[in-house]
Protein backbone atom coordinates (compact mmCIF):
# COMPACT_ATOMS: atom_id res chain seq x y z
CA MET A 1 9.04 -43.33 -40.56
CA ILE A 2 5.67 -42.19 -41.87
CA THR A 3 5.54 -38.91 -43.75
CA GLN A 4 2.99 -36.46 -45.03
CA SER A 5 1.33 -37.97 -48.09
CA VAL A 6 0.60 -36.08 -51.30
CA LYS A 7 -2.27 -36.89 -53.65
CA GLU A 8 -3.25 -35.03 -56.81
CA ILE A 9 -7.02 -34.46 -56.69
CA ALA A 10 -7.30 -32.28 -59.84
CA PRO A 11 -4.86 -30.72 -62.32
CA LYS A 12 -2.29 -28.67 -60.36
CA THR A 13 -4.25 -29.34 -57.17
CA TRP A 14 -2.98 -31.60 -54.38
CA CYS A 15 -4.09 -32.82 -50.97
CA ILE A 16 -1.25 -32.98 -48.45
CA SER A 17 -2.40 -35.20 -45.60
CA GLU A 18 -0.64 -34.57 -42.31
CA PHE A 19 -0.24 -38.20 -41.26
CA GLY A 20 -3.97 -38.81 -41.76
CA LEU A 21 -4.90 -36.34 -39.02
CA VAL A 22 -5.72 -33.22 -41.03
CA ASN A 23 -5.61 -32.12 -44.67
CA THR A 24 -4.01 -29.15 -46.35
CA PHE A 25 -4.42 -28.40 -50.04
CA LEU A 26 -1.95 -26.98 -52.54
CA VAL A 27 -3.35 -25.03 -55.50
CA GLU A 28 -0.98 -23.89 -58.25
CA GLY A 29 -1.53 -20.96 -60.61
CA GLU A 30 0.71 -19.62 -63.35
CA VAL A 31 2.44 -17.12 -61.04
CA LYS A 32 2.21 -18.55 -57.52
CA SER A 33 0.69 -21.30 -55.42
CA ALA A 34 -1.56 -21.25 -52.38
CA ILE A 35 -1.49 -23.70 -49.49
CA ILE A 36 -4.91 -23.88 -47.88
CA ASP A 37 -4.33 -24.46 -44.14
CA THR A 38 -1.04 -25.56 -42.61
CA GLY A 39 -2.00 -28.53 -40.42
CA CYS A 40 -1.13 -29.02 -36.76
CA GLY A 41 2.56 -28.29 -37.24
CA PHE A 42 3.98 -31.81 -37.20
CA GLY A 43 7.18 -31.87 -39.23
CA ASN A 44 7.75 -29.27 -41.96
CA ILE A 45 4.79 -29.07 -44.31
CA ARG A 46 6.36 -26.20 -46.22
CA LYS A 47 9.15 -28.45 -47.47
CA VAL A 48 6.53 -30.91 -48.67
CA ALA A 49 4.59 -28.17 -50.49
CA GLU A 50 7.73 -26.77 -52.11
CA SER A 51 8.73 -30.23 -53.30
CA VAL A 52 5.46 -30.35 -55.25
CA SER A 53 5.33 -26.76 -56.50
CA GLY A 54 8.37 -24.51 -56.69
CA LYS A 55 6.30 -21.35 -57.15
CA PRO A 56 6.06 -18.67 -54.42
CA LEU A 57 3.57 -19.61 -51.72
CA SER A 58 0.66 -17.81 -50.11
CA VAL A 59 -1.21 -19.25 -47.12
CA LEU A 60 -5.01 -19.30 -47.01
CA LEU A 61 -6.46 -20.24 -43.62
CA THR A 62 -9.97 -21.68 -43.51
CA HIS A 63 -10.26 -20.91 -39.79
CA GLY A 64 -8.32 -20.28 -36.60
CA HIS A 65 -8.17 -23.67 -34.87
CA GLN A 66 -4.64 -24.89 -34.21
CA ASP A 67 -5.06 -28.10 -36.18
CA HIS A 68 -5.41 -25.85 -39.26
CA TYR A 69 -2.95 -23.02 -38.55
CA GLY A 70 -0.43 -25.00 -36.45
CA GLY A 71 2.23 -25.13 -39.18
CA ILE A 72 2.11 -21.37 -39.75
CA TYR A 73 5.55 -20.92 -38.17
CA HIS A 74 7.06 -22.29 -41.38
CA PHE A 75 5.44 -19.55 -43.48
CA LYS A 76 6.27 -16.26 -41.71
CA ASP A 77 7.67 -14.71 -44.92
CA CYS A 78 4.56 -15.56 -46.98
CA ASP A 79 1.33 -13.64 -47.49
CA ILE A 80 -1.19 -15.15 -45.06
CA TYR A 81 -4.96 -14.69 -45.45
CA MET A 82 -7.61 -15.15 -42.75
CA ASN A 83 -10.96 -13.73 -41.69
CA ASP A 84 -10.94 -11.32 -38.72
CA GLY A 85 -13.69 -13.30 -37.02
CA ASP A 86 -11.21 -15.97 -35.96
CA LYS A 87 -8.48 -13.69 -34.61
CA PRO A 88 -9.65 -14.37 -31.00
CA LEU A 89 -9.06 -18.10 -31.58
CA LEU A 90 -5.36 -17.77 -32.33
CA ASN A 91 -3.37 -19.21 -29.43
CA ALA A 92 -6.63 -19.93 -27.59
CA LYS A 93 -6.91 -23.11 -25.54
CA MET A 94 -9.14 -25.13 -27.85
CA LEU A 95 -11.29 -27.65 -25.93
CA GLY A 96 -9.47 -26.58 -22.76
CA TRP A 97 -6.17 -27.93 -24.06
CA GLY A 98 -2.97 -25.92 -24.11
CA VAL A 99 -1.35 -24.52 -27.23
CA GLY A 100 1.77 -25.45 -29.15
CA ARG A 101 3.41 -28.74 -28.17
CA GLU A 102 0.78 -29.52 -25.53
CA PHE A 103 -1.97 -29.20 -28.14
CA MET A 104 -0.05 -31.40 -30.59
CA LYS A 105 0.38 -34.15 -28.00
CA LYS A 106 -3.31 -34.03 -27.07
CA TYR A 107 -4.25 -34.11 -30.74
CA VAL A 108 -2.22 -37.26 -31.35
CA ASP A 109 -3.60 -38.85 -28.17
CA THR A 110 -7.25 -38.18 -29.12
CA ARG A 111 -7.18 -38.35 -32.92
CA GLY A 112 -4.27 -40.65 -33.70
CA ALA A 113 -5.94 -43.92 -32.75
CA ILE A 114 -8.92 -43.06 -34.96
CA ARG A 115 -7.29 -41.42 -37.98
CA SER A 116 -3.80 -42.94 -38.02
CA PRO A 117 -3.91 -46.06 -35.84
CA GLY A 118 -0.55 -47.56 -34.95
CA ASN A 119 1.40 -44.48 -36.01
CA GLU A 120 1.06 -42.38 -32.87
CA GLY A 121 4.65 -42.96 -31.73
CA GLU A 122 6.07 -41.91 -35.09
CA ILE A 123 3.90 -38.79 -35.20
CA TYR A 124 5.13 -37.86 -31.71
CA LYS A 125 8.67 -37.75 -33.13
CA THR A 126 7.66 -34.92 -35.50
CA ILE A 127 6.55 -32.59 -32.68
CA PRO A 128 8.97 -29.63 -32.40
CA ALA A 129 11.40 -29.67 -29.49
CA GLU A 130 10.13 -26.26 -28.35
CA ASP A 131 6.83 -24.42 -28.67
CA PRO A 132 6.66 -22.72 -32.08
CA ASP A 133 6.19 -18.98 -32.41
CA TYR A 134 2.63 -18.66 -33.65
CA SER A 135 2.60 -14.87 -33.92
CA PHE A 136 1.94 -13.75 -37.48
CA GLU A 137 0.50 -10.89 -39.49
CA TYR A 138 -2.32 -11.68 -41.88
CA ILE A 139 -4.34 -10.07 -44.64
CA SER A 140 -8.03 -9.95 -43.74
CA VAL A 141 -10.43 -11.57 -46.21
CA ASP A 142 -14.22 -11.66 -46.36
CA ASP A 143 -17.11 -12.48 -48.68
CA GLY A 144 -16.35 -11.90 -52.34
CA ASP A 145 -12.64 -11.21 -51.93
CA THR A 146 -10.47 -12.94 -54.51
CA ILE A 147 -6.92 -14.24 -54.50
CA ASP A 148 -5.29 -14.32 -57.94
CA LEU A 149 -2.62 -16.99 -58.41
CA GLY A 150 -2.15 -16.15 -62.09
CA ALA A 151 -4.82 -17.47 -64.47
CA ARG A 152 -6.44 -19.09 -61.44
CA VAL A 153 -8.56 -17.14 -58.98
CA LEU A 154 -9.87 -18.31 -55.61
CA GLU A 155 -13.01 -16.64 -54.25
CA CYS A 156 -13.49 -16.23 -50.49
CA ILE A 157 -16.88 -17.19 -49.02
CA HIS A 158 -17.50 -16.38 -45.34
CA THR A 159 -19.10 -19.45 -43.73
CA PRO A 160 -19.59 -19.01 -39.95
CA GLY A 161 -20.75 -21.95 -37.86
CA HIS A 162 -17.89 -24.23 -36.93
CA SER A 163 -16.07 -20.98 -36.14
CA GLU A 164 -17.09 -17.35 -36.51
CA GLY A 165 -14.43 -16.57 -39.10
CA SER A 166 -14.56 -19.74 -41.19
CA ILE A 167 -13.81 -19.15 -44.88
CA CYS A 168 -14.34 -21.48 -47.83
CA TYR A 169 -12.27 -20.94 -50.97
CA LEU A 170 -14.00 -21.50 -54.31
CA ASP A 171 -11.91 -22.51 -57.29
CA LYS A 172 -14.07 -22.35 -60.40
CA THR A 173 -11.15 -23.66 -62.48
CA SER A 174 -11.23 -27.08 -60.85
CA ARG A 175 -14.87 -26.71 -59.69
CA ILE A 176 -13.74 -27.49 -56.15
CA LEU A 177 -14.84 -25.76 -52.95
CA PHE A 178 -12.13 -25.94 -50.28
CA SER A 179 -14.36 -26.19 -47.23
CA GLY A 180 -12.00 -26.63 -44.26
CA ASP A 181 -14.18 -27.70 -41.33
CA THR A 182 -17.30 -25.95 -42.63
CA VAL A 183 -18.34 -29.15 -44.41
CA ASN A 184 -16.69 -32.50 -43.67
CA ASN A 185 -18.07 -36.01 -43.40
CA SER A 186 -18.64 -35.20 -39.72
CA ILE A 187 -19.11 -31.69 -38.35
CA ILE A 188 -18.81 -30.39 -34.79
CA LEU A 189 -20.86 -27.50 -33.40
CA MET A 190 -20.11 -27.00 -29.72
CA ARG A 191 -22.89 -27.10 -27.13
CA LYS A 192 -24.19 -23.70 -26.02
CA PRO A 193 -25.63 -22.96 -22.55
CA ASN A 194 -29.17 -24.34 -22.17
CA ASN A 195 -28.76 -25.94 -25.61
CA ASP A 196 -29.30 -22.58 -27.29
CA PRO A 197 -29.74 -23.33 -31.03
CA CYS A 198 -28.07 -20.08 -32.13
CA LEU A 199 -25.07 -21.89 -33.57
CA ILE A 200 -27.26 -24.36 -35.44
CA LYS A 201 -29.21 -21.44 -36.97
CA LYS A 202 -25.99 -19.75 -38.02
CA TYR A 203 -24.65 -22.93 -39.56
CA HIS A 204 -27.97 -23.54 -41.34
CA GLU A 205 -27.70 -20.08 -42.94
CA THR A 206 -24.15 -20.90 -44.04
CA LEU A 207 -25.34 -24.14 -45.65
CA GLU A 208 -28.09 -22.28 -47.49
CA LYS A 209 -25.50 -19.80 -48.73
CA LEU A 210 -23.23 -22.56 -50.03
CA TRP A 211 -26.06 -24.53 -51.63
CA ALA A 212 -27.15 -21.38 -53.48
CA ARG A 213 -23.72 -21.51 -55.16
CA GLU A 214 -23.74 -25.24 -55.96
CA ALA A 215 -23.77 -24.58 -59.71
CA ASP A 216 -20.21 -23.25 -59.35
CA PHE A 217 -18.61 -26.44 -57.98
CA ASP A 218 -18.89 -30.22 -58.05
CA LEU A 219 -16.66 -31.37 -55.20
CA LEU A 220 -15.63 -30.32 -51.71
CA ALA A 221 -12.02 -30.61 -50.54
CA ILE A 222 -12.49 -31.34 -46.84
CA GLY A 223 -10.35 -30.86 -43.73
CA HIS A 224 -10.49 -34.37 -42.23
CA ASP A 225 -11.41 -38.00 -42.86
CA GLY A 226 -10.94 -38.28 -46.60
CA ASP A 227 -9.96 -35.64 -49.14
CA ILE A 228 -12.85 -34.91 -51.53
CA VAL A 229 -16.61 -35.52 -51.34
CA ASP A 230 -19.55 -34.80 -53.59
CA LYS A 231 -21.28 -31.45 -53.10
CA SER A 232 -24.58 -33.21 -52.32
CA ILE A 233 -23.41 -33.62 -48.73
CA ILE A 234 -24.24 -29.92 -48.23
CA HIS A 235 -27.88 -30.76 -48.95
CA ASP A 236 -27.71 -33.63 -46.44
CA TYR A 237 -26.49 -31.22 -43.77
CA LEU A 238 -29.29 -28.81 -44.68
CA MET A 239 -31.80 -31.59 -44.03
CA ILE A 240 -30.29 -32.14 -40.58
CA THR A 241 -30.19 -28.50 -39.54
CA SER A 242 -33.73 -27.90 -40.85
CA GLY A 243 -34.98 -30.91 -38.94
CA VAL A 244 -33.21 -30.04 -35.70
CA LEU A 245 -34.50 -26.47 -35.85
CA ASP A 246 -38.13 -27.40 -36.58
CA GLY A 247 -38.11 -30.36 -34.17
CA SER A 248 -38.60 -33.12 -36.73
CA ILE A 249 -35.09 -34.44 -36.02
CA LYS A 250 -34.13 -34.96 -32.38
CA GLY A 251 -30.78 -36.72 -32.53
CA GLY A 252 -29.37 -38.21 -29.35
CA TYR A 253 -26.38 -38.25 -27.04
CA GLU A 254 -23.46 -40.47 -28.10
CA GLU A 255 -19.79 -40.97 -27.36
CA VAL A 256 -17.92 -42.08 -30.48
CA GLY A 257 -14.13 -41.91 -30.55
CA PHE A 258 -13.13 -38.42 -29.45
CA ARG A 259 -16.62 -36.96 -29.97
CA LYS A 260 -19.18 -36.63 -27.19
CA GLY A 261 -22.53 -34.90 -27.50
CA ASP A 262 -25.84 -34.86 -29.36
CA VAL A 263 -25.62 -36.13 -32.93
CA ALA A 264 -27.93 -36.59 -35.91
CA ARG A 265 -27.29 -38.26 -39.26
CA TYR A 266 -28.85 -37.93 -42.69
CA GLY A 267 -27.56 -39.38 -45.95
CA LYS A 268 -23.78 -39.00 -45.87
CA ALA A 269 -23.79 -36.24 -43.24
CA GLU A 270 -23.15 -36.49 -39.50
CA LEU A 271 -23.75 -33.39 -37.37
CA TRP A 272 -22.70 -33.13 -33.73
CA PHE A 273 -24.91 -30.13 -32.98
CA HIS A 274 -24.54 -30.03 -29.19
CA CYS A 275 -20.99 -31.32 -28.87
CA ASP A 276 -19.18 -31.42 -25.52
CA ALA A 277 -15.76 -32.61 -26.79
């Protein structure tokens, strides 16, 4: 049976891949460790994290989509950090899907063939027998807040766009920015009525904010499709958003895998800026 895979990406820093579908990251300090995101909830990611680091765990959520907080039911006794902007997303029907087990099944059906081909049946076996209890209390974090793990401090950077409450976590020790779904190899911004560019403008401002900090990090630890990428991809996304907003980049409608909508590409970046699915 396939299992979550663990890869060390920097000293005392690991990527835990949830069967190739979504990444979580484990960061260890001298006093405690932080797990950044908890995956969809397939299997028991806490056991995996504790097998790597035996220090007390805190949970840092990059945003409130179920493929990133879905394993939270394993961490009810831990400190959990999230931005208030994504509270309305918790237990929401993302993309019109259900929540809990229904979401997990849909996620395997739509993402499995792309990200973990041939393993869908095995992943299905890790879905809980009953819907997990996703209720949890969290500590609100925003721009400039810090989380001290003991001789290792993570800085919170509010990065709205993919979601209103998206947070990136900057680790100057490893010079890694844990970007969740704010910056991946492919980013989704959902289509607004009448193709209103408000979300593109907001995301563009977030990219400018991150690029202004580029001297503080070298790599991004991303939520999907790989584990780390060079920071220059932020600049590539800036070129796309600038072009879409000023009309020099038009993009076009495509259907690729589970994505459907208007897409533009530049360098290593792929932005679905009016995405329907």
